[in-house]
Amino acid sequence: MSATETTGSKRTLQGVVVKNAMNKSIVVETSRRVQHPKYKKYLNKRARYSAHDEGNICQIGDQVVLEESRPLSKTKRWRVKEVTVKAV
């Protein structure tokens, strides 16, 4: 295998667009439920990712699928793969 070949597929994330004020960039928030190891209470953990939106098609409230990519800027490491649900 050479250095240019990659094995497997790229990671994907699902989330909701929370910010789209920048040109060709959006901020997507993902959430997951995790159980506290000691107290067994379920908590909602949130993470925010900056993503590349080439056509400026995403609006606040859209549900999107992100795909891992090479570093595009200081904070952008993800691209918009598809918009699954448009905001009303």
N, C-alpha and C. Protein backbone atom coordinates (compact mmCIF):
# COMPACT_ATOMS: atom_id res chain seq x y z
N MET A 1 0.85 -1.18 0.00
CA MET A 1 0.00 0.00 0.00
C MET A 1 0.89 1.23 0.00
N SER A 2 0.61 2.18 -0.88
CA SER A 2 1.40 3.39 -0.94
C SER A 2 0.87 4.43 0.05
N ALA A 3 1.58 5.52 0.16
CA ALA A 3 1.22 6.55 1.14
C ALA A 3 -0.05 7.31 0.74
N THR A 4 -0.43 7.27 -0.54
CA THR A 4 -1.59 8.03 -0.99
C THR A 4 -2.89 7.25 -0.84
N GLU A 5 -2.81 5.94 -0.67
CA GLU A 5 -4.03 5.14 -0.53
C GLU A 5 -4.56 5.24 0.89
N THR A 6 -5.87 5.21 1.00
CA THR A 6 -6.49 5.23 2.33
C THR A 6 -7.37 3.99 2.46
N THR A 7 -7.45 3.48 3.66
CA THR A 7 -8.30 2.33 3.90
C THR A 7 -9.53 2.77 4.67
N GLY A 8 -10.67 2.15 4.39
CA GLY A 8 -11.91 2.49 5.08
C GLY A 8 -12.55 3.74 4.50
N SER A 9 -13.63 4.15 5.15
CA SER A 9 -14.35 5.33 4.68
C SER A 9 -14.15 6.48 5.66
N LYS A 10 -14.56 7.65 5.25
CA LYS A 10 -14.41 8.83 6.10
C LYS A 10 -15.49 8.83 7.18
N ARG A 11 -15.16 9.41 8.31
CA ARG A 11 -16.13 9.51 9.41
C ARG A 11 -17.24 10.48 9.04
N THR A 12 -18.43 10.23 9.53
CA THR A 12 -19.55 11.13 9.32
C THR A 12 -20.20 11.46 10.65
N LEU A 13 -20.82 12.63 10.71
CA LEU A 13 -21.54 13.10 11.89
C LEU A 13 -22.87 13.68 11.44
N GLN A 14 -23.87 13.60 12.31
CA GLN A 14 -25.15 14.23 12.05
C GLN A 14 -25.36 15.31 13.09
N GLY A 15 -25.93 16.44 12.67
CA GLY A 15 -26.15 17.53 13.60
C GLY A 15 -27.07 18.58 13.03
N VAL A 16 -27.24 19.66 13.79
CA VAL A 16 -28.13 20.76 13.43
C VAL A 16 -27.29 22.02 13.25
N VAL A 17 -27.58 22.78 12.20
CA VAL A 17 -26.87 24.03 11.94
C VAL A 17 -27.31 25.07 12.97
N VAL A 18 -26.34 25.66 13.68
CA VAL A 18 -26.66 26.68 14.68
C VAL A 18 -26.15 28.06 14.29
N LYS A 19 -25.27 28.13 13.26
CA LYS A 19 -24.73 29.41 12.84
C LYS A 19 -24.33 29.33 11.38
N ASN A 20 -24.71 30.34 10.59
CA ASN A 20 -24.31 30.37 9.19
C ASN A 20 -23.95 31.78 8.73
N ALA A 21 -23.45 32.60 9.63
CA ALA A 21 -23.16 34.00 9.31
C ALA A 21 -21.92 34.17 8.43
N MET A 22 -21.08 33.14 8.34
CA MET A 22 -19.84 33.26 7.59
C MET A 22 -20.04 32.81 6.14
N ASN A 23 -19.13 33.22 5.28
CA ASN A 23 -19.20 32.83 3.88
C ASN A 23 -18.60 31.45 3.70
N LYS A 24 -19.39 30.50 3.16
CA LYS A 24 -18.99 29.11 2.89
C LYS A 24 -18.62 28.34 4.15
N SER A 25 -19.11 28.78 5.31
CA SER A 25 -18.83 28.08 6.56
C SER A 25 -20.09 28.05 7.41
N ILE A 26 -20.24 26.96 8.16
CA ILE A 26 -21.36 26.84 9.10
C ILE A 26 -20.83 26.23 10.40
N VAL A 27 -21.62 26.36 11.46
CA VAL A 27 -21.32 25.70 12.72
C VAL A 27 -22.45 24.72 12.98
N VAL A 28 -22.08 23.47 13.23
CA VAL A 28 -23.05 22.39 13.43
C VAL A 28 -22.88 21.87 14.85
N GLU A 29 -24.01 21.67 15.53
CA GLU A 29 -23.99 21.15 16.89
C GLU A 29 -24.53 19.73 16.89
N THR A 30 -23.76 18.81 17.47
CA THR A 30 -24.20 17.43 17.61
C THR A 30 -24.44 17.16 19.09
N SER A 31 -25.36 16.25 19.38
CA SER A 31 -25.62 15.91 20.78
C SER A 31 -25.72 14.39 20.91
N ARG A 32 -25.37 13.90 22.09
CA ARG A 32 -25.46 12.48 22.37
C ARG A 32 -25.76 12.31 23.85
N ARG A 33 -26.42 11.19 24.18
CA ARG A 33 -26.75 10.89 25.57
C ARG A 33 -25.73 9.90 26.12
N VAL A 34 -25.13 10.24 27.27
CA VAL A 34 -24.18 9.36 27.91
C VAL A 34 -24.59 9.16 29.36
N GLN A 35 -24.25 8.02 29.89
CA GLN A 35 -24.59 7.71 31.27
C GLN A 35 -23.40 8.03 32.17
N HIS A 36 -23.68 8.72 33.28
CA HIS A 36 -22.64 9.04 34.23
C HIS A 36 -22.10 7.75 34.84
N PRO A 37 -20.77 7.59 34.92
CA PRO A 37 -20.24 6.31 35.38
C PRO A 37 -20.55 5.98 36.84
N LYS A 38 -20.67 6.99 37.69
CA LYS A 38 -20.92 6.72 39.11
C LYS A 38 -22.40 6.82 39.47
N TYR A 39 -23.05 7.89 39.01
CA TYR A 39 -24.42 8.17 39.43
C TYR A 39 -25.48 7.60 38.50
N LYS A 40 -25.09 7.08 37.35
CA LYS A 40 -25.98 6.42 36.39
C LYS A 40 -27.06 7.33 35.82
N LYS A 41 -26.89 8.62 35.97
CA LYS A 41 -27.84 9.57 35.39
C LYS A 41 -27.44 9.83 33.94
N TYR A 42 -28.43 9.98 33.05
CA TYR A 42 -28.15 10.25 31.65
C TYR A 42 -27.97 11.74 31.44
N LEU A 43 -26.90 12.09 30.73
CA LEU A 43 -26.57 13.48 30.45
C LEU A 43 -26.53 13.71 28.95
N ASN A 44 -26.87 14.92 28.53
CA ASN A 44 -26.77 15.29 27.12
C ASN A 44 -25.44 16.01 26.90
N LYS A 45 -24.57 15.42 26.11
CA LYS A 45 -23.29 16.02 25.76
C LYS A 45 -23.43 16.66 24.38
N ARG A 46 -22.92 17.88 24.24
CA ARG A 46 -22.99 18.59 22.97
C ARG A 46 -21.58 18.91 22.48
N ALA A 47 -21.42 18.92 21.17
CA ALA A 47 -20.15 19.31 20.55
C ALA A 47 -20.47 20.16 19.33
N ARG A 48 -19.64 21.15 19.10
CA ARG A 48 -19.84 22.05 17.95
C ARG A 48 -18.67 21.89 16.99
N TYR A 49 -19.01 21.81 15.70
CA TYR A 49 -18.00 21.63 14.66
C TYR A 49 -18.17 22.70 13.60
N SER A 50 -17.06 23.26 13.13
CA SER A 50 -17.08 24.17 11.99
C SER A 50 -16.98 23.32 10.72
N ALA A 51 -17.82 23.63 9.74
CA ALA A 51 -17.86 22.82 8.53
C ALA A 51 -17.88 23.71 7.29
N HIS A 52 -17.42 23.14 6.18
CA HIS A 52 -17.36 23.85 4.91
C HIS A 52 -18.66 23.64 4.15
N ASP A 53 -19.30 24.74 3.76
CA ASP A 53 -20.56 24.72 3.00
C ASP A 53 -20.32 25.45 1.69
N GLU A 54 -19.90 24.72 0.67
CA GLU A 54 -19.44 25.33 -0.58
C GLU A 54 -20.48 26.22 -1.24
N GLY A 55 -21.73 25.80 -1.28
CA GLY A 55 -22.74 26.57 -1.99
C GLY A 55 -23.56 27.50 -1.12
N ASN A 56 -23.21 27.66 0.14
CA ASN A 56 -23.99 28.48 1.09
C ASN A 56 -25.46 28.06 1.08
N ILE A 57 -25.74 26.76 1.10
CA ILE A 57 -27.12 26.28 1.01
C ILE A 57 -27.74 26.01 2.36
N CYS A 58 -26.94 25.91 3.42
CA CYS A 58 -27.47 25.55 4.74
C CYS A 58 -28.01 26.77 5.47
N GLN A 59 -29.15 26.58 6.13
CA GLN A 59 -29.77 27.62 6.94
C GLN A 59 -29.80 27.14 8.39
N ILE A 60 -30.02 28.07 9.32
CA ILE A 60 -30.09 27.71 10.73
C ILE A 60 -31.29 26.78 10.94
N GLY A 61 -31.06 25.68 11.63
CA GLY A 61 -32.10 24.71 11.91
C GLY A 61 -32.09 23.51 10.99
N ASP A 62 -31.32 23.55 9.91
CA ASP A 62 -31.22 22.40 9.00
C ASP A 62 -30.50 21.25 9.70
N GLN A 63 -30.94 20.03 9.40
CA GLN A 63 -30.21 18.86 9.87
C GLN A 63 -29.30 18.42 8.73
N VAL A 64 -28.01 18.24 9.03
CA VAL A 64 -27.03 17.95 8.00
C VAL A 64 -26.18 16.75 8.39
N VAL A 65 -25.54 16.16 7.38
CA VAL A 65 -24.56 15.10 7.58
C VAL A 65 -23.22 15.69 7.19
N LEU A 66 -22.23 15.58 8.09
CA LEU A 66 -20.89 16.09 7.84
C LEU A 66 -19.97 14.92 7.51
N GLU A 67 -18.96 15.22 6.68
CA GLU A 67 -17.97 14.22 6.31
C GLU A 67 -16.59 14.77 6.65
N GLU A 68 -15.75 13.92 7.20
CA GLU A 68 -14.40 14.31 7.57
C GLU A 68 -13.60 14.69 6.32
N SER A 69 -12.74 15.71 6.44
CA SER A 69 -11.92 16.11 5.30
C SER A 69 -10.56 16.60 5.80
N ARG A 70 -9.73 16.99 4.88
CA ARG A 70 -8.44 17.56 5.24
C ARG A 70 -8.68 18.92 5.91
N PRO A 71 -7.71 19.45 6.64
CA PRO A 71 -7.89 20.77 7.25
C PRO A 71 -8.10 21.85 6.18
N LEU A 72 -9.20 22.57 6.30
CA LEU A 72 -9.53 23.62 5.34
C LEU A 72 -9.20 25.01 5.87
N SER A 73 -9.14 25.15 7.18
CA SER A 73 -8.74 26.40 7.82
C SER A 73 -8.30 26.07 9.23
N LYS A 74 -8.17 27.08 10.06
CA LYS A 74 -7.73 26.85 11.44
C LYS A 74 -8.69 25.95 12.20
N THR A 75 -9.99 26.09 11.97
CA THR A 75 -10.98 25.31 12.72
C THR A 75 -11.77 24.33 11.88
N LYS A 76 -11.81 24.49 10.56
CA LYS A 76 -12.66 23.64 9.72
C LYS A 76 -11.96 22.34 9.35
N ARG A 77 -12.57 21.21 9.77
CA ARG A 77 -12.07 19.88 9.46
C ARG A 77 -13.17 18.99 8.87
N TRP A 78 -14.33 19.55 8.59
CA TRP A 78 -15.49 18.80 8.11
C TRP A 78 -16.09 19.50 6.91
N ARG A 79 -16.76 18.72 6.05
CA ARG A 79 -17.51 19.24 4.90
C ARG A 79 -18.96 18.80 5.01
N VAL A 80 -19.87 19.58 4.44
CA VAL A 80 -21.27 19.19 4.40
C VAL A 80 -21.43 18.15 3.30
N LYS A 81 -21.89 16.97 3.70
CA LYS A 81 -22.11 15.89 2.73
C LYS A 81 -23.51 16.00 2.14
N GLU A 82 -24.52 16.22 2.99
CA GLU A 82 -25.88 16.38 2.51
C GLU A 82 -26.72 17.07 3.57
N VAL A 83 -27.80 17.69 3.11
CA VAL A 83 -28.79 18.28 4.01
C VAL A 83 -29.95 17.29 4.07
N THR A 84 -30.20 16.72 5.25
CA THR A 84 -31.23 15.70 5.37
C THR A 84 -32.60 16.30 5.57
N VAL A 85 -32.72 17.34 6.43
CA VAL A 85 -34.00 17.97 6.70
C VAL A 85 -33.82 19.48 6.67
N LYS A 86 -34.59 20.16 5.80
CA LYS A 86 -34.53 21.62 5.72
C LYS A 86 -35.37 22.22 6.84
N ALA A 87 -34.93 23.36 7.38
CA ALA A 87 -35.68 24.05 8.42
C ALA A 87 -36.92 24.71 7.81
N VAL A 88 -37.95 24.80 8.61
CA VAL A 88 -39.21 25.39 8.13
C VAL A 88 -39.22 26.86 8.37
